[in-house]
Protein backbone atom coordinates (compact mmCIF):
# COMPACT_ATOMS: atom_id res chain seq x y z
CA MET A 1 18.14 -20.94 48.19
CA PRO A 2 17.98 -17.47 46.65
CA SER A 3 17.28 -17.31 42.94
CA PRO A 4 20.22 -16.23 40.76
CA SER A 5 20.20 -12.62 39.63
CA PRO A 6 19.44 -12.06 35.92
CA LEU A 7 22.35 -11.52 33.57
CA LEU A 8 20.93 -8.24 32.22
CA PRO A 9 19.04 -5.55 34.10
CA GLU A 10 15.33 -5.04 33.45
CA SER A 11 15.86 -1.94 31.29
CA ALA A 12 18.29 -3.79 28.99
CA ARG A 13 15.89 -6.72 28.60
CA ARG A 14 13.04 -4.38 27.70
CA LEU A 15 15.25 -2.63 25.14
CA ALA A 16 16.24 -5.97 23.63
CA ALA A 17 12.60 -7.04 23.39
CA TRP A 18 11.64 -3.81 21.64
CA CYS A 19 14.59 -4.20 19.24
CA VAL A 20 13.36 -7.67 18.31
CA VAL A 21 9.87 -6.30 17.68
CA VAL A 22 11.24 -3.46 15.51
CA VAL A 23 13.37 -5.90 13.48
CA LEU A 24 10.40 -8.22 12.93
CA VAL A 25 8.13 -5.36 11.86
CA ALA A 26 10.81 -4.00 9.51
CA ALA A 27 11.29 -7.48 7.99
CA VAL A 28 7.55 -7.90 7.42
CA GLY A 29 7.36 -4.40 5.93
CA ALA A 30 10.29 -5.09 3.61
CA VAL A 31 8.69 -8.33 2.39
CA GLY A 32 5.40 -6.51 1.87
CA ILE A 33 7.06 -3.74 -0.16
CA TRP A 34 8.92 -6.33 -2.25
CA LEU A 35 5.66 -8.13 -3.00
CA VAL A 36 3.95 -4.86 -3.94
CA VAL A 37 6.79 -3.88 -6.28
CA THR A 38 6.90 -7.37 -7.82
CA PHE A 39 3.15 -7.48 -8.46
CA LYS A 40 2.69 -3.74 -9.05
CA THR A 41 0.74 -4.38 -12.26
CA ALA A 42 -2.02 -5.98 -10.20
CA VAL A 43 -1.59 -3.99 -6.98
CA THR A 44 -1.68 -0.51 -8.54
CA PRO A 45 -5.24 -0.76 -9.97
CA VAL A 46 -6.48 -2.15 -6.65
CA LEU A 47 -5.00 0.77 -4.70
CA LEU A 48 -6.35 3.31 -7.21
CA ALA A 49 -9.78 1.68 -6.99
CA VAL A 50 -9.68 1.87 -3.19
CA LEU A 51 -8.82 5.58 -3.35
CA GLY A 52 -11.62 6.19 -5.85
CA THR A 53 -14.06 4.25 -3.68
CA ALA A 54 -13.04 6.26 -0.61
CA LEU A 55 -13.48 9.53 -2.49
CA LEU A 56 -16.78 8.72 -4.22
CA GLY A 57 -18.35 6.53 -1.55
CA PRO A 58 -20.58 9.37 -0.23
CA LEU A 59 -21.93 10.03 -3.74
CA HIS A 60 -22.74 6.34 -4.23
CA ARG A 61 -24.45 6.12 -0.83
CA ARG A 62 -26.55 9.19 -1.67
CA LEU A 63 -27.63 7.63 -4.97
CA VAL A 64 -28.53 4.39 -3.18
CA ALA A 65 -30.51 6.40 -0.62
CA MET A 66 -32.52 7.82 -3.54
CA ARG A 67 -33.82 4.27 -4.21
CA LEU A 68 -31.48 3.61 -7.13
CA ASN A 69 -30.21 0.10 -7.78
CA ARG A 70 -26.71 -0.43 -6.34
CA SER A 71 -25.30 -1.45 -9.72
CA LEU A 72 -26.85 1.57 -11.45
CA ALA A 73 -25.59 3.89 -8.72
CA ALA A 74 -22.07 2.46 -9.05
CA ALA A 75 -22.20 2.83 -12.85
CA LEU A 76 -23.31 6.48 -12.60
CA THR A 77 -20.54 7.18 -10.07
CA CYS A 78 -17.91 5.66 -12.37
CA ALA A 79 -19.30 7.64 -15.31
CA ALA A 80 -18.95 10.83 -13.26
CA VAL A 81 -15.32 9.93 -12.55
CA VAL A 82 -14.58 9.42 -16.24
CA ALA A 83 -16.22 12.73 -17.15
CA VAL A 84 -14.45 14.78 -14.46
CA VAL A 85 -11.00 13.20 -14.82
CA GLY A 86 -11.18 13.18 -18.63
CA GLY A 87 -12.28 16.80 -18.76
CA ALA A 88 -9.58 17.95 -16.34
CA THR A 89 -6.89 16.03 -18.23
CA TYR A 90 -8.00 17.51 -21.56
CA ILE A 91 -7.99 21.06 -20.17
CA VAL A 92 -4.55 20.67 -18.57
CA VAL A 93 -2.94 19.10 -21.65
CA SER A 94 -4.48 21.63 -24.03
CA VAL A 95 -3.33 24.63 -22.03
CA LEU A 96 0.19 23.25 -21.71
CA VAL A 97 0.34 22.62 -25.45
CA ASP A 98 -1.00 26.10 -26.24
CA THR A 99 1.46 27.85 -23.93
CA GLY A 100 4.51 25.71 -24.74
CA ASP A 101 5.81 28.16 -27.35
CA GLN A 102 5.37 31.02 -24.90
CA ILE A 103 7.40 29.17 -22.26
CA VAL A 104 10.22 28.53 -24.76
CA ALA A 105 10.15 32.20 -25.81
CA SER A 106 10.34 33.19 -22.14
CA LEU A 107 13.41 30.99 -21.70
CA ARG A 108 15.10 32.55 -24.71
CA GLN A 109 14.37 36.02 -23.43
CA ALA A 110 15.70 35.03 -20.02
CA GLY A 111 18.86 33.77 -21.75
CA LYS A 112 19.33 37.10 -23.50
CA ASP A 113 18.86 38.98 -20.23
CA LEU A 114 21.41 36.75 -18.54
CA ALA A 115 23.82 37.24 -21.43
CA ARG A 116 23.49 40.99 -21.07
CA HIS A 117 24.10 40.91 -17.31
CA PHE A 118 26.29 37.84 -16.70
CA GLY A 119 28.09 37.23 -19.98
CA ALA A 120 29.03 33.69 -20.96
CA ALA A 121 26.61 31.84 -18.67
CA GLY A 122 23.62 33.60 -20.18
CA THR A 123 24.96 33.15 -23.72
CA SER A 124 25.16 29.40 -23.27
CA LEU A 125 21.57 29.28 -22.02
CA ASP A 126 20.41 31.31 -25.02
CA ASP A 127 22.32 28.99 -27.37
CA VAL A 128 20.64 25.94 -25.86
CA ALA A 129 17.19 27.49 -26.34
CA ALA A 130 17.97 28.62 -29.89
CA ASN A 131 19.49 25.31 -31.01
CA ALA A 132 16.90 22.99 -29.43
CA LYS A 133 15.84 21.63 -32.83
CA ASP A 134 19.44 20.81 -33.76
CA LEU A 135 19.92 18.97 -30.50
CA VAL A 136 16.77 16.92 -31.08
CA ALA A 137 17.88 16.07 -34.64
CA LYS A 138 21.35 15.08 -33.42
CA PHE A 139 19.94 12.65 -30.89
CA GLY A 140 17.03 11.50 -33.04
CA ALA A 141 17.53 7.79 -32.39
CA THR A 142 17.48 8.31 -28.65
CA ALA A 143 14.39 10.47 -28.94
CA ALA A 144 12.63 7.85 -31.07
CA SER A 145 13.36 5.10 -28.56
CA GLY A 146 12.17 7.39 -25.81
CA VAL A 147 8.91 7.99 -27.67
CA ILE A 148 8.37 4.25 -28.08
CA THR A 149 9.04 3.70 -24.40
CA GLY A 150 6.68 6.55 -23.56
CA LEU A 151 3.94 5.03 -25.70
CA SER A 152 4.30 1.70 -23.91
CA VAL A 153 4.12 3.46 -20.56
CA VAL A 154 1.00 5.33 -21.67
CA GLY A 155 -0.55 2.03 -22.75
CA GLU A 156 0.18 0.49 -19.36
CA LEU A 157 -1.32 3.52 -17.61
CA ILE A 158 -4.48 3.31 -19.71
CA ALA A 159 -4.83 -0.40 -18.99
CA SER A 160 -4.32 0.20 -15.26
CA ALA A 161 -6.88 3.03 -15.30
CA VAL A 162 -9.49 0.85 -17.03
CA LEU A 163 -8.89 -2.02 -14.59
CA ALA A 164 -9.06 0.38 -11.63
CA LEU A 165 -12.37 1.75 -12.95
CA LEU A 166 -13.85 -1.74 -13.19
CA LEU A 167 -12.62 -2.63 -9.70
CA MET A 168 -14.04 0.61 -8.33
CA PHE A 169 -17.43 -0.32 -9.81
CA PHE A 170 -17.39 -3.65 -7.99
CA PHE A 171 -16.08 -2.12 -4.77
CA LEU A 172 -18.89 0.45 -4.77
CA ARG A 173 -21.58 -2.06 -5.67
CA ASP A 174 -20.52 -4.68 -3.11
CA SER A 175 -19.34 -2.36 -0.34
CA ASP A 176 -22.17 -3.56 1.93
CA LYS A 177 -20.70 -7.10 1.84
CA ALA A 178 -17.13 -6.09 2.73
CA ALA A 179 -17.54 -6.47 6.50
CA GLY A 180 -19.02 -9.96 6.22
CA LEU A 181 -16.30 -11.05 3.80
CA LEU A 182 -13.58 -9.78 6.12
CA ARG A 183 -15.11 -11.58 9.10
CA SER A 184 -15.26 -14.82 7.12
CA LEU A 185 -11.59 -14.57 6.13
CA ALA A 186 -10.23 -13.57 9.55
CA PRO A 187 -9.83 -16.13 12.35
CA ARG A 188 -12.88 -16.43 14.58
CA ALA A 189 -11.30 -14.75 17.61
CA THR A 190 -9.91 -11.79 15.63
CA GLY A 191 -12.79 -11.11 13.23
CA GLU A 192 -14.17 -8.17 15.19
CA THR A 193 -10.72 -6.61 15.67
CA ALA A 194 -9.87 -7.05 11.97
CA GLU A 195 -13.15 -5.42 10.95
CA ALA A 196 -12.54 -2.48 13.31
CA MET A 197 -9.00 -2.01 11.94
CA ALA A 198 -10.21 -2.16 8.34
CA ARG A 199 -12.99 0.35 9.04
CA ARG A 200 -10.59 2.74 10.76
CA ALA A 201 -8.07 2.50 7.90
CA PHE A 202 -10.75 3.10 5.27
CA GLU A 203 -12.19 6.01 7.27
CA ALA A 204 -8.71 7.55 7.44
CA VAL A 205 -8.25 7.22 3.66
CA GLU A 206 -11.79 8.50 3.05
CA GLY A 207 -11.24 11.50 5.30
CA PHE A 208 -7.90 12.27 3.67
CA MET A 209 -9.30 12.05 0.14
CA ARG A 210 -12.39 14.10 1.00
CA GLY A 211 -10.38 16.79 2.80
CA THR A 212 -7.76 16.94 0.07
CA THR A 213 -10.45 17.30 -2.60
CA VAL A 214 -12.10 20.19 -0.76
CA ILE A 215 -8.76 21.93 -0.27
CA ALA A 216 -7.75 21.28 -3.89
CA PHE A 217 -11.01 22.80 -5.15
CA ILE A 218 -10.59 25.92 -3.00
CA ASP A 219 -6.94 26.32 -4.05
CA ALA A 220 -7.78 25.87 -7.73
CA PHE A 221 -10.71 28.31 -7.51
CA CYS A 222 -8.66 31.03 -5.78
CA ILE A 223 -5.68 30.70 -8.12
CA THR A 224 -7.95 30.63 -11.19
CA VAL A 225 -9.69 33.82 -10.06
CA GLY A 226 -6.32 35.47 -9.46
CA LEU A 227 -5.04 34.43 -12.88
CA LEU A 228 -8.21 35.67 -14.57
CA ILE A 229 -7.86 39.03 -12.85
CA LEU A 230 -4.23 39.22 -14.00
CA ARG A 231 -5.34 38.12 -17.50
CA VAL A 232 -2.90 35.23 -17.63
CA PRO A 233 -3.60 32.98 -20.66
CA GLY A 234 -4.93 29.51 -19.91
CA ALA A 235 -6.11 30.44 -16.42
CA VAL A 236 -8.74 27.69 -16.31
CA GLY A 237 -6.28 25.03 -17.42
CA LEU A 238 -3.71 26.19 -14.88
CA GLY A 239 -6.37 26.04 -12.19
CA ALA A 240 -7.15 22.46 -13.22
CA LEU A 241 -3.44 21.68 -12.96
CA VAL A 242 -3.41 23.12 -9.43
CA PHE A 243 -6.41 20.94 -8.56
CA VAL A 244 -4.68 17.77 -9.77
CA GLY A 245 -1.36 18.69 -8.16
CA ALA A 246 -2.98 19.18 -4.76
CA TYR A 247 -3.27 15.39 -4.38
CA ILE A 248 0.54 15.32 -4.00
CA PRO A 249 1.02 17.30 -0.76
CA TYR A 250 3.60 20.10 -0.83
CA LEU A 251 5.39 18.93 -3.99
CA GLY A 252 2.31 19.15 -6.22
CA ALA A 253 1.54 22.68 -5.07
CA VAL A 254 5.11 23.78 -5.79
CA LEU A 255 5.16 22.29 -9.29
CA SER A 256 1.72 23.55 -10.35
CA GLY A 257 2.44 26.99 -8.91
CA ALA A 258 5.76 27.13 -10.75
CA VAL A 259 4.02 26.34 -14.05
CA ALA A 260 1.48 29.11 -13.44
CA VAL A 261 4.21 31.64 -12.64
CA LEU A 262 6.23 30.58 -15.70
CA VAL A 263 3.25 30.99 -18.03
CA ALA A 264 2.48 34.41 -16.56
CA LEU A 265 6.11 35.43 -16.95
CA ALA A 266 6.17 34.25 -20.55
CA ASP A 267 3.07 36.12 -21.69
CA ARG A 268 2.69 39.14 -19.40
CA GLY A 269 6.20 40.01 -18.31
CA LEU A 270 8.08 40.26 -15.03
CA ALA A 271 5.56 42.38 -13.12
CA ILE A 272 2.59 40.07 -13.77
CA GLY A 273 4.84 37.07 -13.07
CA LEU A 274 5.65 38.50 -9.65
CA TRP A 275 1.96 39.20 -8.98
CA THR A 276 1.17 35.61 -9.96
CA LEU A 277 3.85 34.39 -7.56
CA GLY A 278 2.24 36.47 -4.84
CA VAL A 279 -1.18 34.94 -5.56
CA VAL A 280 0.25 31.42 -5.41
CA LEU A 281 2.09 32.10 -2.16
CA ALA A 282 -1.01 33.71 -0.60
CA VAL A 283 -3.13 30.67 -1.48
CA GLN A 284 -0.50 28.34 -0.03
CA VAL A 285 -0.43 30.35 3.20
CA LEU A 286 -4.24 30.20 3.32
CA GLU A 287 -4.11 26.43 2.83
CA GLY A 288 -1.44 25.79 5.45
CA HIS A 289 -2.83 28.02 8.22
CA VAL A 290 -6.61 27.94 7.64
CA LEU A 291 -7.81 25.20 5.31
CA GLN A 292 -5.67 22.31 6.55
CA PRO A 293 -6.55 22.76 10.27
CA MET A 294 -10.21 23.46 9.49
CA VAL A 295 -11.04 20.86 6.83
CA GLN A 296 -8.86 17.96 7.96
CA SER A 297 -9.31 18.41 11.70
CA ARG A 298 -11.35 15.19 11.93
CA THR A 299 -9.04 13.00 9.87
CA VAL A 300 -5.73 11.37 10.77
CA GLN A 301 -3.29 14.16 11.51
CA MET A 302 0.26 13.67 10.22
CA HIS A 303 3.26 15.87 10.83
CA PRO A 304 4.65 17.54 7.68
CA ALA A 305 7.94 15.71 8.20
CA VAL A 306 6.08 12.37 8.10
CA VAL A 307 4.30 13.44 4.90
CA ILE A 308 7.57 14.46 3.22
CA LEU A 309 9.25 11.18 4.21
CA ALA A 310 6.25 9.22 2.92
CA ILE A 311 6.35 11.08 -0.41
CA THR A 312 10.10 10.48 -0.74
CA ALA A 313 9.75 6.78 0.04
CA GLY A 314 6.79 6.42 -2.33
CA ALA A 315 8.63 8.15 -5.16
CA SER A 316 11.71 5.93 -4.69
CA VAL A 317 9.57 2.76 -4.71
CA ALA A 318 6.93 3.48 -7.37
CA GLY A 319 7.70 6.80 -9.05
CA ILE A 320 4.71 9.02 -9.84
CA LEU A 321 2.22 6.46 -8.55
CA GLY A 322 4.19 6.33 -5.33
CA LEU A 323 3.81 10.09 -5.01
CA LEU A 324 0.04 9.74 -5.33
CA LEU A 325 -0.42 6.68 -3.11
CA SER A 326 2.14 7.18 -0.35
CA VAL A 327 0.27 9.71 1.77
CA PRO A 328 -3.16 7.92 1.72
CA LEU A 329 -1.46 4.63 2.61
CA THR A 330 0.39 6.35 5.44
CA ALA A 331 -2.92 7.78 6.66
CA ALA A 332 -4.39 4.26 6.62
CA ALA A 333 -1.41 2.94 8.60
CA PHE A 334 -1.87 5.71 11.19
CA GLY A 335 -5.55 4.77 11.43
CA VAL A 336 -4.72 1.11 12.04
CA VAL A 337 -2.17 2.00 14.73
CA SER A 338 -4.68 4.31 16.41
CA GLU A 339 -7.34 1.58 16.41
CA LEU A 340 -4.90 -0.97 17.86
CA ARG A 341 -3.91 1.40 20.63
CA GLY A 342 -7.54 2.10 21.46
CA HIS A 343 -8.46 -1.60 21.33
CA TYR A 344 -5.71 -2.78 23.66
CA GLY A 345 -6.24 0.23 25.91
CA ARG A 346 -9.93 -0.65 26.29
CA ARG A 347 -9.10 -4.31 26.88
CA ASN A 348 -6.50 -3.51 29.54
CA GLY A 349 -8.90 -1.11 31.23
CA ALA A 350 -11.65 -3.73 31.23
CA SER A 351 -9.32 -6.38 32.70
CA ARG A 352 -8.23 -4.04 35.47
CA ALA A 353 -11.84 -3.12 36.20
CA GLY A 354 -12.84 -6.81 36.27
CA GLN A 355 -10.36 -7.62 39.03
CA GLY A 356 -12.22 -5.43 41.49
CA PRO A 357 -11.18 -4.72 45.08
CA ASP A 358 -9.90 -7.50 47.31
CA THR A 359 -12.83 -8.70 49.54
CA GLY A 360 -10.69 -11.01 51.64
CA ALA A 361 -12.81 -14.06 50.79
CA GLY A 362 -10.20 -16.74 50.12
CA PRO A 363 -10.74 -20.38 49.34
CA ASP A 364 -11.17 -21.20 53.03
CA SER A 365 -13.60 -18.42 53.87
CA GLY A 366 -16.60 -20.73 53.82
CA ALA A 367 -18.32 -19.06 50.88
CA SER A 368 -19.92 -21.59 48.56
CA PRO A 369 -19.57 -20.99 44.85
CA GLY A 370 -22.68 -20.27 42.82
CA PRO A 371 -23.89 -22.25 39.83
CA ALA A 372 -21.74 -22.55 36.72
CA THR A 373 -24.11 -20.33 34.76
CA GLY A 374 -23.32 -17.35 36.93
CA ARG A 375 -26.95 -16.89 38.09
CA PRO A 376 -27.48 -16.22 41.83
CA ASP A 377 -28.89 -19.01 43.97
CA SER A 378 -32.61 -18.85 44.32
């Protein structure tokens, strides 16, 4: 009796199976994002510590190779982080404070120019710049509440930074035990696969952080030299701002470059502002066409559209921290997917190779099986 034909063709059944897989993965991802947002106070320091460990792991390994104790090497690495990040933050904040009046003066001058050329629109802009103090006094209560909220946010950021620093110390010191701990937590049959996936994800994050740091340093150096040649005030601080902004791909470069151009326009006029814009654009072209392909050629490659979508999603979920963490986490996800594809590809290839050619020796061919141990008969 012939078997009944299936209700759906093979292509439709495959499509339905893939739709089920996509829905399950999306559901798991949504639950994971909800958990991260719910416990962001604990998750954020862990992610920052992982990024710091990925960035400073080579320095810690070099100190350990110099016969230093692992705890001492981790402490020195964390001290270097505090010194570098604290110094860069101080320089950036000081230069922005020093040039704030110049930026406001530039806006007022721009308002006057607009009023001379475009009439009412420019006059309104000039009035807003001239009456800024009156506006602040009028909405003093709102400003005070905003300051209190800002102070609480700053306190949370400081607490998260301190916790991340402590976690980074422990991650660096006990990094040699991570593989064994992962194997002990994973099921016995999947321990090796889980370790390979974790290594690939961490290597992707490490490569991204290392490549981004190199590119950020080159960008900051080139823009600082250009600003010094143009005699723009606060050139070193603006270069530090470019260095920090480079960790937010595309968006950070635009914002830091805009600040540099605005400061140059405020202090040196339109011509120097245009030259500064040219320097910033030239450095961005150098980064996009030379530095990115050269420095990050060995890390996980992501299309710019994927990076922009990751930044947008990260900003909508976690704000500024989402901007900083979205691209490294996406790089880790790409690394895991690449490792899974390679793992199952090797396993399928090995299973096909193990089948071997058909020798024609069936169960009735008279061949006696060997011992259970697989050794040939003696």
